[in-house]
Amino acid sequence: MTQTNLALAFGILIFLSISCSQTSDFELEKQRILELHHAQRDYHFEKDSIRFANQLSDDFISVNRGKITYPDSEETISRYNSYFSSVQFIKWDDLAKPIIRFSEDGTMAYTIVDKIVTVEYENENGETEVGETHFSWTAIYKKHADEWKIDCVTSTEEPSN
């Protein structure tokens, strides 16, 4: 083997090892984001608005119902405390596996979620009702140090009944 061929083979080997390393790194990061996604379900059933809000960055932006808001942690906790205390979750399930994509440098990612949520709640007459809503959203994650935080969520919903 000539020196040129040897150098070319060595270069290809380095390229492949870097490519494989990035792929495995992205797979590891994908698992970390999926763990955060699944934890959100637990936070709903456990009615844990604090741990839910802790997944959000300090610069969190919400796009929902035609409005762009910048709720701080206290506002988010208060909003979810109110929501969690008014319902009993029956279902908070993905209809499809979340789609997860990463920026080329691995510092940002997004998930696209398709979920059905079924809750039991008391209506204005004091009667128990069951409501079901089909939600779809995009969550944008940003890596802060070695931790993923949600920077933005754009959400849509369609009542099922």
Protein backbone atom coordinates (compact mmCIF):
# COMPACT_ATOMS: atom_id res chain seq x y z
CA MET A 1 0.00 0.00 0.00
CA THR A 2 1.41 3.39 -0.95
CA GLN A 3 1.71 6.25 1.46
CA THR A 4 -1.07 8.11 -0.39
CA ASN A 5 -3.42 5.14 -0.12
CA LEU A 6 -2.49 4.68 3.51
CA ALA A 7 -3.19 8.36 4.24
CA LEU A 8 -6.52 8.15 2.38
CA ALA A 9 -7.53 5.01 4.30
CA PHE A 10 -6.53 6.64 7.58
CA GLY A 11 -8.57 9.76 6.71
CA ILE A 12 -11.64 7.67 5.89
CA LEU A 13 -11.23 5.76 9.15
CA ILE A 14 -11.11 9.01 11.16
CA PHE A 15 -14.15 10.37 9.31
CA LEU A 16 -16.14 7.20 10.00
CA SER A 17 -15.18 7.17 13.67
CA ILE A 18 -16.24 10.81 14.07
CA SER A 19 -19.51 10.16 12.22
CA CYS A 20 -20.26 7.12 14.36
CA SER A 21 -19.38 9.06 17.50
CA GLN A 22 -21.79 11.89 16.56
CA THR A 23 -24.54 9.38 15.77
CA SER A 24 -24.13 7.64 19.12
CA ASP A 25 -23.98 11.04 20.88
CA PHE A 26 -27.24 12.07 19.21
CA GLU A 27 -28.82 8.74 20.16
CA LEU A 28 -27.81 9.32 23.78
CA GLU A 29 -29.21 12.87 23.69
CA LYS A 30 -32.39 11.60 22.04
CA GLN A 31 -32.84 9.21 24.97
CA ARG A 32 -32.31 12.07 27.43
CA ILE A 33 -35.00 14.16 25.73
CA LEU A 34 -37.37 11.18 25.63
CA GLU A 35 -36.84 10.75 29.37
CA LEU A 36 -37.83 14.39 29.89
CA HIS A 37 -40.86 13.88 27.65
CA HIS A 38 -41.98 10.81 29.63
CA ALA A 39 -41.36 12.61 32.93
CA GLN A 40 -43.92 15.23 31.86
CA ARG A 41 -46.58 12.50 31.91
CA ASP A 42 -45.55 11.55 35.44
CA TYR A 43 -45.69 15.21 36.54
CA HIS A 44 -49.28 15.45 35.25
CA PHE A 45 -50.46 12.33 37.06
CA GLU A 46 -48.52 13.28 40.20
CA LYS A 47 -49.79 16.87 39.90
CA ASP A 48 -46.24 18.14 40.34
CA SER A 49 -46.26 21.62 38.85
CA ILE A 50 -42.84 22.48 40.32
CA ARG A 51 -40.94 19.65 38.63
CA PHE A 52 -42.93 20.33 35.46
CA ALA A 53 -41.92 24.02 35.51
CA ASN A 54 -38.29 23.09 36.24
CA GLN A 55 -38.04 21.62 32.74
CA LEU A 56 -38.53 25.12 31.29
CA SER A 57 -35.70 27.56 30.66
CA ASP A 58 -35.56 31.01 32.24
CA ASP A 59 -36.31 32.44 28.77
CA PHE A 60 -39.31 30.16 28.13
CA ILE A 61 -41.82 31.27 25.46
CA SER A 62 -45.33 29.83 25.08
CA VAL A 63 -47.35 30.05 21.87
CA ASN A 64 -50.91 28.93 22.56
CA ARG A 65 -54.44 29.99 21.60
CA GLY A 66 -53.16 32.75 19.34
CA LYS A 67 -51.01 34.36 22.03
CA ILE A 68 -47.29 34.60 22.64
CA THR A 69 -46.42 34.77 26.34
CA TYR A 70 -43.24 34.75 28.42
CA PRO A 71 -44.36 33.21 31.71
CA ASP A 72 -41.82 33.08 34.50
CA SER A 73 -41.47 30.04 36.73
CA GLU A 74 -43.92 31.35 39.37
CA GLU A 75 -46.61 32.00 36.74
CA THR A 76 -46.12 28.54 35.25
CA ILE A 77 -46.29 26.84 38.64
CA SER A 78 -49.43 28.79 39.56
CA ARG A 79 -51.10 28.01 36.24
CA TYR A 80 -50.35 24.29 36.47
CA ASN A 81 -51.29 24.12 40.17
CA SER A 82 -54.69 25.49 39.22
CA TYR A 83 -55.04 23.09 36.27
CA PHE A 84 -53.79 20.04 38.15
CA SER A 85 -56.09 20.69 41.11
CA SER A 86 -59.17 20.94 38.88
CA VAL A 87 -58.79 17.62 37.03
CA GLN A 88 -58.03 13.94 37.50
CA PHE A 89 -55.93 12.56 34.66
CA ILE A 90 -57.21 9.39 33.09
CA LYS A 91 -55.02 9.41 30.00
CA TRP A 92 -52.01 11.47 28.88
CA ASP A 93 -50.73 9.27 26.08
CA ASP A 94 -48.77 9.68 22.89
CA LEU A 95 -50.69 8.75 19.76
CA ALA A 96 -47.39 8.44 17.91
CA LYS A 97 -43.76 8.27 18.92
CA PRO A 98 -42.46 11.83 19.38
CA ILE A 99 -40.36 13.11 16.48
CA ILE A 100 -36.99 14.39 17.72
CA ARG A 101 -34.50 16.37 15.63
CA PHE A 102 -31.22 18.09 16.55
CA SER A 103 -29.29 21.09 15.36
CA GLU A 104 -26.03 20.16 13.67
CA ASP A 105 -23.99 21.30 16.66
CA GLY A 106 -26.19 19.36 19.11
CA THR A 107 -27.05 22.36 21.29
CA MET A 108 -30.71 22.56 20.28
CA ALA A 109 -33.40 20.02 19.54
CA TYR A 110 -37.11 19.91 18.99
CA THR A 111 -39.84 17.38 19.58
CA ILE A 112 -43.12 17.11 17.74
CA VAL A 113 -45.75 15.50 19.95
CA ASP A 114 -49.17 14.03 19.14
CA LYS A 115 -51.08 13.27 22.34
CA ILE A 116 -54.53 12.45 23.63
CA VAL A 117 -55.45 13.71 27.09
CA THR A 118 -58.49 12.48 28.98
CA VAL A 119 -59.46 14.12 32.26
CA GLU A 120 -62.25 13.89 34.78
CA TYR A 121 -63.44 17.17 36.25
CA GLU A 122 -66.35 18.75 38.07
CA ASN A 123 -68.52 21.05 35.93
CA GLU A 124 -70.18 24.28 37.11
CA ASN A 125 -73.18 22.23 38.38
CA GLY A 126 -70.95 20.04 40.54
CA GLU A 127 -71.39 17.04 38.25
CA THR A 128 -68.44 14.88 37.25
CA GLU A 129 -67.64 14.95 33.54
CA VAL A 130 -64.99 13.37 31.36
CA GLY A 131 -63.32 15.43 28.67
CA GLU A 132 -60.89 14.37 26.02
CA THR A 133 -58.59 16.63 23.98
CA HIS A 134 -56.22 15.87 21.14
CA PHE A 135 -53.06 17.96 21.54
CA SER A 136 -50.19 18.44 19.13
CA TRP A 137 -47.19 20.59 19.94
CA THR A 138 -43.62 21.41 19.13
CA ALA A 139 -41.20 21.82 22.02
CA ILE A 140 -37.84 23.46 21.38
CA TYR A 141 -35.08 22.31 23.70
CA LYS A 142 -31.81 24.11 24.33
CA LYS A 143 -28.83 22.65 26.11
CA HIS A 144 -27.83 24.72 29.14
CA ALA A 145 -24.47 23.43 30.40
CA ASP A 146 -25.17 19.68 30.25
CA GLU A 147 -28.92 19.94 30.84
CA TRP A 148 -31.75 20.16 28.33
CA LYS A 149 -34.37 22.85 29.04
CA ILE A 150 -37.50 23.70 27.07
CA ASP A 151 -37.14 27.16 25.52
CA CYS A 152 -40.44 27.28 23.64
CA VAL A 153 -43.65 25.33 23.17
CA THR A 154 -46.11 25.95 20.36
CA SER A 155 -49.31 24.04 21.06
CA THR A 156 -52.57 23.28 19.29
CA GLU A 157 -55.58 21.43 20.58
CA GLU A 158 -58.76 19.92 19.30
CA PRO A 159 -61.47 18.82 21.73
CA SER A 160 -62.48 15.23 21.01
CA ASN A 161 -65.95 15.51 22.53
